[in-house]
Each structure stands twice: as C-alpha cells, then as structure tokens.
Amino acid sequence: MDLEGWSVFFCMAYSIQTLNPLLFLLPLAFSNFLPFDRT
C-alpha cells in the first residue's frame, strides 16, 4: 500500500473511532476524485 492508500486508511480508521460522519466522508470523496489504484 502506498502513502496515499495509508492516508485514506488512517482517515477511515480515525473517523470510525470518533464516529464523525464528516471525517468518514472525506476519504470517500478523495478516493472518488483522486485516481487511487484499488486493484
């Protein structure tokens, strides 16, 4: 996993711990706008 993948993973894990819907939507938005390689 590259640095961008780790950053998204950290954001998702942090948002789940804090139960903040806004922080949870951030990595989803970034994954949609930025060309992440999910394969």
PDB file of N, CA and C in Angstrom:
ATOM      1  N   MET A   1       0.849  -1.195   0.000  1.00  0.00           N
ATOM      2  CA  MET A   1       0.000   0.000   0.000  1.00  0.00           C
ATOM      3  C   MET A   1       0.889   1.252   0.000  1.00  0.00           C
ATOM      4  N   ASP A   2       0.544   2.197  -0.869  1.00  0.00           N
ATOM      5  CA  ASP A   2       1.367   3.402  -0.972  1.00  0.00           C
ATOM      6  C   ASP A   2       0.970   4.422   0.102  1.00  0.00           C
ATOM      7  N   LEU A   3       1.627   5.577   0.087  1.00  0.00           N
ATOM      8  CA  LEU A   3       1.380   6.597   1.109  1.00  0.00           C
ATOM      9  C   LEU A   3      -0.057   7.106   1.040  1.00  0.00           C
ATOM     10  N   GLU A   4      -0.577   7.276  -0.178  1.00  0.00           N
ATOM     11  CA  GLU A   4      -1.953   7.773  -0.322  1.00  0.00           C
ATOM     12  C   GLU A   4      -2.940   6.751   0.223  1.00  0.00           C
ATOM     13  N   GLY A   5      -2.667   5.486  -0.011  1.00  0.00           N
ATOM     14  CA  GLY A   5      -3.548   4.435   0.489  1.00  0.00           C
ATOM     15  C   GLY A   5      -3.560   4.407   2.012  1.00  0.00           C
ATOM     16  N   TRP A   6      -2.369   4.607   2.607  1.00  0.00           N
ATOM     17  CA  TRP A   6      -2.280   4.619   4.060  1.00  0.00           C
ATOM     18  C   TRP A   6      -3.008   5.817   4.641  1.00  0.00           C
ATOM     19  N   SER A   7      -2.912   6.968   3.941  1.00  0.00           N
ATOM     20  CA  SER A   7      -3.573   8.182   4.438  1.00  0.00           C
ATOM     21  C   SER A   7      -5.085   7.991   4.453  1.00  0.00           C
ATOM     22  N   VAL A   8      -5.616   7.349   3.406  1.00  0.00           N
ATOM     23  CA  VAL A   8      -7.058   7.088   3.345  1.00  0.00           C
ATOM     24  C   VAL A   8      -7.463   6.091   4.430  1.00  0.00           C
ATOM     25  N   PHE A   9      -6.626   5.070   4.618  1.00  0.00           N
ATOM     26  CA  PHE A   9      -6.903   4.070   5.647  1.00  0.00           C
ATOM     27  C   PHE A   9      -6.909   4.710   7.031  1.00  0.00           C
ATOM     28  N   PHE A  10      -5.944   5.622   7.278  1.00  0.00           N
ATOM     29  CA  PHE A  10      -5.862   6.300   8.575  1.00  0.00           C
ATOM     30  C   PHE A  10      -7.077   7.192   8.790  1.00  0.00           C
ATOM     31  N   CYS A  11      -7.503   7.892   7.742  1.00  0.00           N
ATOM     32  CA  CYS A  11      -8.669   8.779   7.854  1.00  0.00           C
ATOM     33  C   CYS A  11      -9.923   7.966   8.176  1.00  0.00           C
ATOM     34  N   MET A  12     -10.074   6.827   7.499  1.00  0.00           N
ATOM     35  CA  MET A  12     -11.255   5.993   7.732  1.00  0.00           C
ATOM     36  C   MET A  12     -11.235   5.408   9.148  1.00  0.00           C
ATOM     37  N   ALA A  13     -10.064   4.934   9.571  1.00  0.00           N
ATOM     38  CA  ALA A  13      -9.955   4.353  10.919  1.00  0.00           C
ATOM     39  C   ALA A  13     -10.212   5.421  11.978  1.00  0.00           C
ATOM     40  N   TYR A  14      -9.688   6.629  11.760  1.00  0.00           N
ATOM     41  CA  TYR A  14      -9.870   7.725  12.721  1.00  0.00           C
ATOM     42  C   TYR A  14     -11.334   8.155  12.775  1.00  0.00           C
ATOM     43  N   SER A  15     -11.982   8.183  11.614  1.00  0.00           N
ATOM     44  CA  SER A  15     -13.380   8.604  11.570  1.00  0.00           C
ATOM     45  C   SER A  15     -14.277   7.580  12.261  1.00  0.00           C
ATOM     46  N   ILE A  16     -13.928   6.305  12.133  1.00  0.00           N
ATOM     47  CA  ILE A  16     -14.717   5.257  12.797  1.00  0.00           C
ATOM     48  C   ILE A  16     -14.574   5.368  14.312  1.00  0.00           C
ATOM     49  N   GLN A  17     -13.364   5.696  14.784  1.00  0.00           N
ATOM     50  CA  GLN A  17     -13.146   5.815  16.222  1.00  0.00           C
ATOM     51  C   GLN A  17     -13.882   7.025  16.789  1.00  0.00           C
ATOM     52  N   THR A  18     -13.875   8.124  16.038  1.00  0.00           N
ATOM     53  CA  THR A  18     -14.506   9.352  16.530  1.00  0.00           C
ATOM     54  C   THR A  18     -15.986   9.404  16.178  1.00  0.00           C
ATOM     55  N   LEU A  19     -16.417   8.470  15.301  1.00  0.00           N
ATOM     56  CA  LEU A  19     -17.809   8.438  14.851  1.00  0.00           C
ATOM     57  C   LEU A  19     -18.229   9.791  14.268  1.00  0.00           C
ATOM     58  N   ASN A  20     -17.338  10.388  13.496  1.00  0.00           N
ATOM     59  CA  ASN A  20     -17.628  11.677  12.867  1.00  0.00           C
ATOM     60  C   ASN A  20     -17.972  11.433  11.400  1.00  0.00           C
ATOM     61  N   PRO A  21     -19.225  11.627  11.000  1.00  0.00           N
ATOM     62  CA  PRO A  21     -19.642  11.348   9.616  1.00  0.00           C
ATOM     63  C   PRO A  21     -18.893  12.190   8.602  1.00  0.00           C
ATOM     64  N   LEU A  22     -18.522  13.425   8.976  1.00  0.00           N
ATOM     65  CA  LEU A  22     -17.792  14.283   8.035  1.00  0.00           C
ATOM     66  C   LEU A  22     -16.416  13.707   7.749  1.00  0.00           C
ATOM     67  N   LEU A  23     -15.713  13.264   8.790  1.00  0.00           N
ATOM     68  CA  LEU A  23     -14.387  12.668   8.601  1.00  0.00           C
ATOM     69  C   LEU A  23     -14.498  11.345   7.856  1.00  0.00           C
ATOM     70  N   PHE A  24     -15.640  10.680   8.003  1.00  0.00           N
ATOM     71  CA  PHE A  24     -15.836   9.406   7.314  1.00  0.00           C
ATOM     72  C   PHE A  24     -16.081   9.616   5.823  1.00  0.00           C
ATOM     73  N   LEU A  25     -16.690  10.764   5.474  1.00  0.00           N
ATOM     74  CA  LEU A  25     -16.976  11.053   4.074  1.00  0.00           C
ATOM     75  C   LEU A  25     -15.759  11.612   3.347  1.00  0.00           C
ATOM     76  N   LEU A  26     -14.800  12.170   4.086  1.00  0.00           N
ATOM     77  CA  LEU A  26     -13.608  12.749   3.456  1.00  0.00           C
ATOM     78  C   LEU A  26     -12.822  11.737   2.625  1.00  0.00           C
ATOM     79  N   PRO A  27     -12.415  10.580   3.199  1.00  0.00           N
ATOM     80  CA  PRO A  27     -11.662   9.611   2.400  1.00  0.00           C
ATOM     81  C   PRO A  27     -12.467   9.076   1.221  1.00  0.00           C
ATOM     82  N   LEU A  28     -13.787   8.998   1.378  1.00  0.00           N
ATOM     83  CA  LEU A  28     -14.622   8.545   0.272  1.00  0.00           C
ATOM     84  C   LEU A  28     -14.594   9.557  -0.861  1.00  0.00           C
ATOM     85  N   ALA A  29     -14.614  10.841  -0.511  1.00  0.00           N
ATOM     86  CA  ALA A  29     -14.559  11.899  -1.521  1.00  0.00           C
ATOM     87  C   ALA A  29     -13.201  11.902  -2.215  1.00  0.00           C
ATOM     88  N   PHE A  30     -12.129  11.753  -1.434  1.00  0.00           N
ATOM     89  CA  PHE A  30     -10.781  11.742  -2.015  1.00  0.00           C
ATOM     90  C   PHE A  30     -10.602  10.540  -2.936  1.00  0.00           C
ATOM     91  N   SER A  31     -11.144   9.387  -2.550  1.00  0.00           N
ATOM     92  CA  SER A  31     -10.998   8.185  -3.365  1.00  0.00           C
ATOM     93  C   SER A  31     -11.779   8.323  -4.664  1.00  0.00           C
ATOM     94  N   ASN A  32     -12.815   9.169  -4.664  1.00  0.00           N
ATOM     95  CA  ASN A  32     -13.603   9.387  -5.880  1.00  0.00           C
ATOM     96  C   ASN A  32     -12.930  10.393  -6.807  1.00  0.00           C
ATOM     97  N   PHE A  33     -12.313  11.437  -6.233  1.00  0.00           N
ATOM     98  CA  PHE A  33     -11.706  12.482  -7.045  1.00  0.00           C
ATOM     99  C   PHE A  33     -10.280  12.135  -7.471  1.00  0.00           C
ATOM    100  N   LEU A  34      -9.544  11.434  -6.593  1.00  0.00           N
ATOM    101  CA  LEU A  34      -8.155  11.090  -6.912  1.00  0.00           C
ATOM    102  C   LEU A  34      -8.077   9.690  -7.489  1.00  0.00           C
ATOM    103  N   PRO A  35      -7.195   9.489  -8.460  1.00  0.00           N
ATOM    104  CA  PRO A  35      -7.056   8.180  -9.142  1.00  0.00           C
ATOM    105  C   PRO A  35      -6.333   7.156  -8.277  1.00  0.00           C
ATOM    106  N   PHE A  36      -7.010   6.583  -7.285  1.00  0.00           N
ATOM    107  CA  PHE A  36      -6.397   5.545  -6.465  1.00  0.00           C
ATOM    108  C   PHE A  36      -6.474   4.191  -7.171  1.00  0.00           C
ATOM    109  N   ASP A  37      -5.420   3.421  -7.050  1.00  0.00           N
ATOM    110  CA  ASP A  37      -5.396   2.099  -7.675  1.00  0.00           C
ATOM    111  C   ASP A  37      -5.866   1.057  -6.672  1.00  0.00           C
ATOM    112  N   ARG A  38      -7.107   0.609  -6.804  1.00  0.00           N
ATOM    113  CA  ARG A  38      -7.685  -0.321  -5.840  1.00  0.00           C
ATOM    114  C   ARG A  38      -7.482  -1.786  -6.226  1.00  0.00           C
ATOM    115  N   THR A  39      -6.822  -2.039  -7.339  1.00  0.00           N
ATOM    116  CA  THR A  39      -6.689  -3.424  -7.801  1.00  0.00           C
ATOM    117  C   THR A  39      -5.572  -4.153  -7.125  1.00  0.00           C
TER     118      THR A  39
END
